[in-house]
Amino acid sequence: MIMMKKLNYCCLVLLLLSSTMKGQQLPYYTQFRSNDLLQNPAVSGTKRTIDARLNYRMQWLGFEGAPRTESFSLNSRFYKGRMGAGVYMMQDKVGPAKQMNLGASYAIHFRFPDCELSAGVGGNYTNYTLLGSLITLHHTQDPSIDQNVSSSVWVGDANAGIYLYNDRFHLGASAMHLLQSTAAFYKSDSIKRGKVKYATQANVSVGYNFGQNPSYIWESNLFANYVTGLPIMLDYTLRLHVKEKFMTGISLRLHDAVAIHFGISFLENFQASYSYDLLISNLRPYSSGSHEIMLVYNMKYHSGKHGFLDTQFLHQKYGYML
């Protein structure tokens, strides 16, 4: 089967409007370790006092209408470090479909001698829009789609997760789209109306930091994602943090891509990172890859004595900021 350079969304939209569709409905991040709040509400408050992140992802360059994702997140801990809360905003565009997601999360932290367990819940409200003018049809007179009309709906859903961590390791698990809400489009038109049902997605993340010299810390992470109707996705990343100033690394996404990472810290509380995906899947001849950029602001933690947290924030700050 020959793949075309230009994405054809006709079949996708017809499926979307004629039945219930499930699949990969959340954006993917190559820098998943740096975007863990968007994938697990239990991460709220596990960084420092204030943690703010901007992310922009350009996926599958070379395809018209390929995914573009922007996100902003902010989280902090409070109540003597026993609780955390966060808010985020994410916009994901794929061809004629656009999702604007507004969410909030809350977590409670249980302290143990050498680690901390966080349990979190989150809720989000998504504005899901189909842009009729961006839909390409083989048959322009098809009555099931009106290219002059767009449809937009608001959909609510919920997430939950747990997160066990200290300055050396983390283990997290989460479930997204727990309510399996349905976005119903063109509800007033019996010919065009259709729906998209969100499928619950399960995420598991495990990582370990190691190094004999504190100036050279290796950060090893494995991420797994499962959603009904798709194979399990596995992504392994190994990054080296040098003197709390620089970061470099590599990722392997099973059957999909190899990625390289670069990062730098500046002005004490800021960091910037970049990753580039080189495709190894069947899309490789038709795309020049994917780019992802992140900017982080992370305020130092200064309040009180909290056991291992002092070590984590003072001596492993670069590894854990990103």
Protein backbone atom coordinates (compact mmCIF):
# COMPACT_ATOMS: atom_id res chain seq x y z
CA MET A 1 0.00 0.00 0.00
CA ILE A 2 1.47 3.33 -1.06
CA MET A 3 1.27 6.12 1.56
CA MET A 4 0.43 9.59 0.35
CA LYS A 5 2.41 12.65 1.38
CA LYS A 6 -0.77 14.53 2.19
CA LEU A 7 -2.94 13.11 4.95
CA ASN A 8 -6.45 12.22 3.85
CA TYR A 9 -8.93 12.67 6.68
CA CYS A 10 -12.10 11.66 4.86
CA CYS A 11 -12.26 8.12 6.23
CA LEU A 12 -11.32 9.30 9.70
CA VAL A 13 -14.07 11.89 9.87
CA LEU A 14 -16.70 9.55 8.38
CA LEU A 15 -15.88 6.99 11.06
CA LEU A 16 -15.99 9.66 13.73
CA LEU A 17 -19.39 10.97 12.68
CA SER A 18 -21.08 7.67 11.97
CA SER A 19 -20.24 5.60 15.02
CA THR A 20 -18.41 5.46 18.31
CA MET A 21 -14.65 5.67 17.83
CA LYS A 22 -11.96 4.68 20.32
CA GLY A 23 -8.18 4.88 20.09
CA GLN A 24 -5.24 7.09 21.04
CA GLN A 25 -7.14 10.23 22.04
CA LEU A 26 -4.50 11.98 24.17
CA PRO A 27 -1.33 13.57 22.77
CA TYR A 28 1.99 11.81 23.23
CA TYR A 29 5.13 13.47 24.60
CA THR A 30 8.67 12.36 23.83
CA GLN A 31 9.67 14.19 27.03
CA PHE A 32 7.10 12.19 28.98
CA ARG A 33 9.13 12.40 32.20
CA SER A 34 8.96 16.18 32.00
CA ASN A 35 5.21 16.17 31.29
CA ASP A 36 4.18 13.69 33.97
CA LEU A 37 1.64 16.04 35.60
CA LEU A 38 -0.44 15.88 32.39
CA GLN A 39 -0.45 12.09 32.63
CA ASN A 40 -0.79 11.49 36.37
CA PRO A 41 -2.60 13.80 38.85
CA ALA A 42 -0.63 12.28 41.75
CA VAL A 43 2.45 14.20 40.53
CA SER A 44 0.87 17.41 41.88
CA GLY A 45 3.20 18.93 44.45
CA THR A 46 6.04 16.40 44.05
CA LYS A 47 8.48 18.93 42.54
CA ARG A 48 9.34 22.08 44.50
CA THR A 49 7.24 24.93 45.86
CA ILE A 50 6.14 26.19 42.43
CA ASP A 51 6.63 24.32 39.17
CA ALA A 52 5.52 25.85 35.83
CA ARG A 53 6.01 24.26 32.38
CA LEU A 54 5.41 25.26 28.76
CA ASN A 55 5.57 22.61 26.04
CA TYR A 56 5.18 22.67 22.27
CA ARG A 57 5.25 19.57 20.08
CA MET A 58 5.32 19.36 16.28
CA GLN A 59 4.72 15.76 15.23
CA TRP A 60 5.35 14.06 11.87
CA LEU A 61 6.74 17.02 9.94
CA GLY A 62 6.01 16.71 6.23
CA PHE A 63 2.35 15.74 6.61
CA GLU A 64 -0.33 18.37 6.14
CA GLY A 65 -2.58 18.53 9.20
CA ALA A 66 -0.15 16.53 11.37
CA PRO A 67 -0.54 16.78 15.19
CA ARG A 68 0.43 20.02 16.91
CA THR A 69 0.26 20.18 20.71
CA GLU A 70 0.72 23.09 23.13
CA SER A 71 0.45 22.76 26.91
CA PHE A 72 0.96 24.77 30.08
CA SER A 73 0.99 23.34 33.60
CA LEU A 74 1.44 24.78 37.08
CA ASN A 75 1.57 22.86 40.36
CA SER A 76 2.71 23.32 43.93
CA ARG A 77 2.63 21.70 47.35
CA PHE A 78 1.03 23.24 50.42
CA TYR A 79 -0.23 22.46 53.95
CA LYS A 80 3.33 21.80 55.23
CA GLY A 81 4.05 19.71 52.16
CA ARG A 82 1.29 17.20 52.85
CA MET A 83 -0.84 18.15 49.85
CA GLY A 84 -0.36 19.26 46.27
CA ALA A 85 -2.51 20.86 43.59
CA GLY A 86 -2.10 21.74 39.95
CA VAL A 87 -3.81 23.25 36.93
CA TYR A 88 -3.10 22.78 33.24
CA MET A 89 -4.23 23.79 29.78
CA MET A 90 -3.59 21.75 26.67
CA GLN A 91 -4.49 22.26 23.01
CA ASP A 92 -4.13 19.45 20.49
CA LYS A 93 -4.78 19.88 16.75
CA VAL A 94 -4.97 16.95 14.32
CA GLY A 95 -6.26 17.77 10.84
CA PRO A 96 -9.85 19.07 11.15
CA ALA A 97 -10.10 18.15 14.86
CA LYS A 98 -9.07 20.43 17.72
CA GLN A 99 -9.23 19.77 21.46
CA MET A 100 -8.79 22.44 24.13
CA ASN A 101 -8.43 20.81 27.54
CA LEU A 102 -8.67 22.65 30.87
CA GLY A 103 -7.87 20.58 33.96
CA ALA A 104 -7.07 20.61 37.67
CA SER A 105 -5.56 18.02 39.99
CA TYR A 106 -5.21 17.40 43.73
CA ALA A 107 -2.93 15.02 45.60
CA ILE A 108 -2.29 14.01 49.19
CA HIS A 109 1.24 13.00 50.21
CA PHE A 110 2.07 10.27 52.74
CA ARG A 111 5.61 10.46 54.13
CA PHE A 112 7.79 7.49 55.00
CA PRO A 113 11.40 7.45 56.25
CA ASP A 114 13.00 7.30 52.80
CA CYS A 115 10.20 7.91 50.30
CA GLU A 116 6.85 9.54 49.80
CA LEU A 117 3.58 8.17 48.38
CA SER A 118 1.22 10.53 46.57
CA ALA A 119 -2.38 9.71 45.63
CA GLY A 120 -4.16 12.09 43.30
CA VAL A 121 -7.37 12.76 41.43
CA GLY A 122 -8.11 15.19 38.63
CA GLY A 123 -10.90 16.56 36.51
CA ASN A 124 -10.88 18.19 33.11
CA TYR A 125 -13.22 19.92 30.70
CA THR A 126 -12.51 19.58 26.99
CA ASN A 127 -13.77 21.71 24.13
CA TYR A 128 -13.77 19.34 21.13
CA THR A 129 -14.19 21.03 17.73
CA LEU A 130 -14.53 19.68 14.19
CA LEU A 131 -13.60 22.30 11.58
CA GLY A 132 -15.66 21.58 8.47
CA SER A 133 -13.56 23.85 6.26
CA LEU A 134 -10.47 21.66 6.85
CA ILE A 135 -12.13 18.41 5.83
CA THR A 136 -11.17 17.08 2.38
CA LEU A 137 -13.82 15.00 0.60
CA HIS A 138 -13.58 12.63 -2.34
CA HIS A 139 -17.24 13.37 -3.10
CA THR A 140 -18.04 17.02 -2.52
CA GLN A 141 -21.79 16.37 -2.44
CA ASP A 142 -21.58 13.87 0.43
CA PRO A 143 -24.59 14.77 2.66
CA SER A 144 -22.97 13.39 5.81
CA ILE A 145 -20.50 16.29 6.02
CA ASP A 146 -21.10 20.01 5.53
CA GLN A 147 -17.77 21.76 4.99
CA ASN A 148 -19.36 25.13 5.74
CA VAL A 149 -20.35 24.10 9.27
CA SER A 150 -18.13 23.36 12.27
CA SER A 151 -19.33 21.63 15.42
CA SER A 152 -18.01 22.21 18.94
CA VAL A 153 -18.94 20.47 22.21
CA TRP A 154 -17.76 20.54 25.84
CA VAL A 155 -16.98 17.24 27.53
CA GLY A 156 -16.03 16.56 31.16
CA ASP A 157 -13.96 13.64 32.45
CA ALA A 158 -11.84 12.45 35.38
CA ASN A 159 -8.37 10.99 36.09
CA ALA A 160 -6.70 9.25 39.05
CA GLY A 161 -3.22 8.04 39.91
CA ILE A 162 -0.60 7.08 42.50
CA TYR A 163 3.08 8.04 42.66
CA LEU A 164 5.81 6.59 44.91
CA TYR A 165 9.14 8.45 44.83
CA ASN A 166 12.27 9.81 46.46
CA ASP A 167 15.47 11.42 45.12
CA ARG A 168 16.59 8.14 43.51
CA PHE A 169 13.50 6.49 42.02
CA HIS A 170 9.84 6.87 41.10
CA LEU A 171 7.00 4.49 40.33
CA GLY A 172 3.71 5.88 39.05
CA ALA A 173 0.44 4.55 37.66
CA SER A 174 -2.59 6.43 36.40
CA ALA A 175 -5.87 6.04 34.55
CA MET A 176 -7.12 8.79 32.23
CA HIS A 177 -10.68 9.29 30.90
CA LEU A 178 -12.19 7.30 33.76
CA LEU A 179 -15.74 8.44 32.95
CA GLN A 180 -15.41 7.45 29.28
CA SER A 181 -17.40 10.54 28.32
CA THR A 182 -18.92 11.00 24.87
CA ALA A 183 -18.57 14.02 22.58
CA ALA A 184 -21.72 14.30 20.42
CA PHE A 185 -21.44 16.37 17.22
CA TYR A 186 -24.11 17.91 14.97
CA LYS A 187 -26.81 16.83 17.42
CA SER A 188 -29.54 18.83 15.68
CA ASP A 189 -28.94 17.18 12.29
CA SER A 190 -30.06 13.56 11.95
CA ILE A 191 -27.88 13.03 8.84
CA LYS A 192 -24.59 14.44 10.15
CA ARG A 193 -24.75 13.73 13.86
CA GLY A 194 -22.18 11.38 15.35
CA LYS A 195 -20.11 10.86 18.47
CA VAL A 196 -16.64 10.18 19.79
CA LYS A 197 -16.41 8.17 23.02
CA TYR A 198 -13.28 8.65 25.09
CA ALA A 199 -11.54 5.40 26.04
CA THR A 200 -9.86 4.88 29.41
CA GLN A 201 -6.07 4.96 29.08
CA ALA A 202 -3.66 3.37 31.55
CA ASN A 203 -0.14 4.74 32.13
CA VAL A 204 2.74 3.23 34.10
CA SER A 205 6.04 5.02 34.66
CA VAL A 206 9.14 3.80 36.50
CA GLY A 207 12.53 5.46 36.81
CA TYR A 208 15.82 5.37 38.69
CA ASN A 209 18.62 7.94 39.10
CA PHE A 210 22.19 6.70 39.61
CA GLY A 211 25.78 7.93 39.56
CA GLN A 212 28.91 7.72 41.74
CA ASN A 213 29.81 11.34 41.02
CA PRO A 214 27.07 13.88 41.94
CA SER A 215 28.18 16.03 39.00
CA TYR A 216 27.13 13.29 36.57
CA ILE A 217 23.70 11.81 37.27
CA TRP A 218 22.11 9.20 34.98
CA GLU A 219 18.32 9.26 34.79
CA SER A 220 16.69 6.06 33.52
CA ASN A 221 12.94 5.99 32.77
CA LEU A 222 10.45 3.54 31.27
CA PHE A 223 6.92 4.58 30.26
CA ALA A 224 4.07 2.28 29.17
CA ASN A 225 0.67 3.31 27.80
CA TYR A 226 -2.32 1.12 27.05
CA VAL A 227 -5.67 2.02 25.51
CA THR A 228 -8.36 -0.30 24.19
CA GLY A 229 -7.91 -1.18 20.54
CA LEU A 230 -4.19 -0.38 20.31
CA PRO A 231 -0.97 -2.26 21.14
CA ILE A 232 0.84 -1.39 24.37
CA MET A 233 3.24 1.48 23.74
CA LEU A 234 6.67 1.30 25.43
CA ASP A 235 9.17 4.15 25.64
CA TYR A 236 12.58 4.00 27.34
CA THR A 237 14.69 7.11 28.01
CA LEU A 238 18.21 7.45 29.40
CA ARG A 239 19.44 10.98 30.16
CA LEU A 240 22.71 12.28 31.63
CA HIS A 241 22.63 15.42 33.81
CA VAL A 242 26.01 17.18 33.92
CA LYS A 243 26.92 19.47 36.84
CA GLU A 244 23.29 20.56 37.23
CA LYS A 245 23.74 22.66 34.08
CA PHE A 246 23.35 20.44 31.03
CA MET A 247 21.34 17.41 30.01
CA THR A 248 21.58 15.03 27.07
CA GLY A 249 20.01 11.67 26.37
CA ILE A 250 18.31 9.23 24.04
CA SER A 251 14.91 7.54 23.86
CA LEU A 252 13.65 4.42 22.14
CA ARG A 253 9.93 4.12 21.40
CA LEU A 254 9.17 0.53 20.42
CA HIS A 255 8.48 0.12 16.69
CA ASP A 256 8.10 3.90 16.29
CA ALA A 257 11.05 6.23 16.85
CA VAL A 258 14.47 6.98 18.31
CA ALA A 259 14.80 10.40 19.95
CA ILE A 260 17.67 12.59 21.15
CA HIS A 261 17.40 15.05 24.07
CA PHE A 262 19.28 18.22 24.99
CA GLY A 263 18.72 20.60 27.91
CA ILE A 264 20.30 23.54 29.71
CA SER A 265 19.62 25.40 32.94
CA PHE A 266 19.95 29.19 33.24
CA LEU A 267 19.14 32.07 35.60
CA GLU A 268 19.07 29.62 38.54
CA ASN A 269 15.40 28.62 38.25
CA PHE A 270 14.89 28.17 34.50
CA GLN A 271 15.54 25.27 32.18
CA ALA A 272 14.96 24.66 28.49
CA SER A 273 14.97 21.29 26.76
CA TYR A 274 14.60 20.01 23.22
CA SER A 275 13.96 16.57 21.74
CA TYR A 276 13.93 15.31 18.17
CA ASP A 277 12.26 12.07 17.03
CA LEU A 278 13.79 10.14 14.16
CA LEU A 279 11.10 7.78 12.90
CA ILE A 280 11.84 4.07 12.45
CA SER A 281 8.27 3.09 11.59
CA ASN A 282 6.70 2.85 8.11
CA LEU A 283 6.21 6.63 8.20
CA ARG A 284 9.96 7.26 8.00
CA PRO A 285 10.17 7.86 4.19
CA TYR A 286 7.39 10.45 4.35
CA SER A 287 8.23 12.49 7.47
CA SER A 288 11.33 14.33 8.68
CA GLY A 289 10.46 13.48 12.28
CA SER A 290 9.00 15.28 15.31
CA HIS A 291 10.22 18.22 17.40
CA GLU A 292 9.41 19.03 21.02
CA ILE A 293 10.45 22.07 23.07
CA MET A 294 9.95 22.68 26.80
CA LEU A 295 10.56 25.65 29.11
CA VAL A 296 10.55 25.07 32.89
CA TYR A 297 10.41 27.48 35.82
CA ASN A 298 10.95 25.85 39.20
CA MET A 299 11.16 27.82 42.45
CA LYS A 300 13.49 26.52 45.15
CA TYR A 301 12.01 24.76 48.13
CA HIS A 302 12.79 26.60 51.38
CA SER A 303 10.15 25.81 53.99
CA GLY A 304 10.91 23.50 56.91
CA LYS A 305 12.69 20.20 57.30
CA HIS A 306 11.05 17.37 55.38
CA GLY A 307 13.53 14.50 55.61
CA PHE A 308 14.68 13.24 52.22
CA LEU A 309 13.05 16.21 50.49
CA ASP A 310 15.92 18.47 51.53
CA THR A 311 18.42 16.14 49.84
CA GLN A 312 16.24 15.77 46.77
CA PHE A 313 15.77 19.47 46.17
CA LEU A 314 19.26 20.64 47.06
CA HIS A 315 21.46 17.95 45.52
CA GLN A 316 19.40 16.45 42.68
CA LYS A 317 17.61 19.58 41.56
CA TYR A 318 18.49 19.40 37.88
CA GLY A 319 17.49 15.78 37.44
CA TYR A 320 14.20 16.34 39.14
CA MET A 321 13.32 19.69 37.61
CA LEU A 322 13.18 18.01 34.23
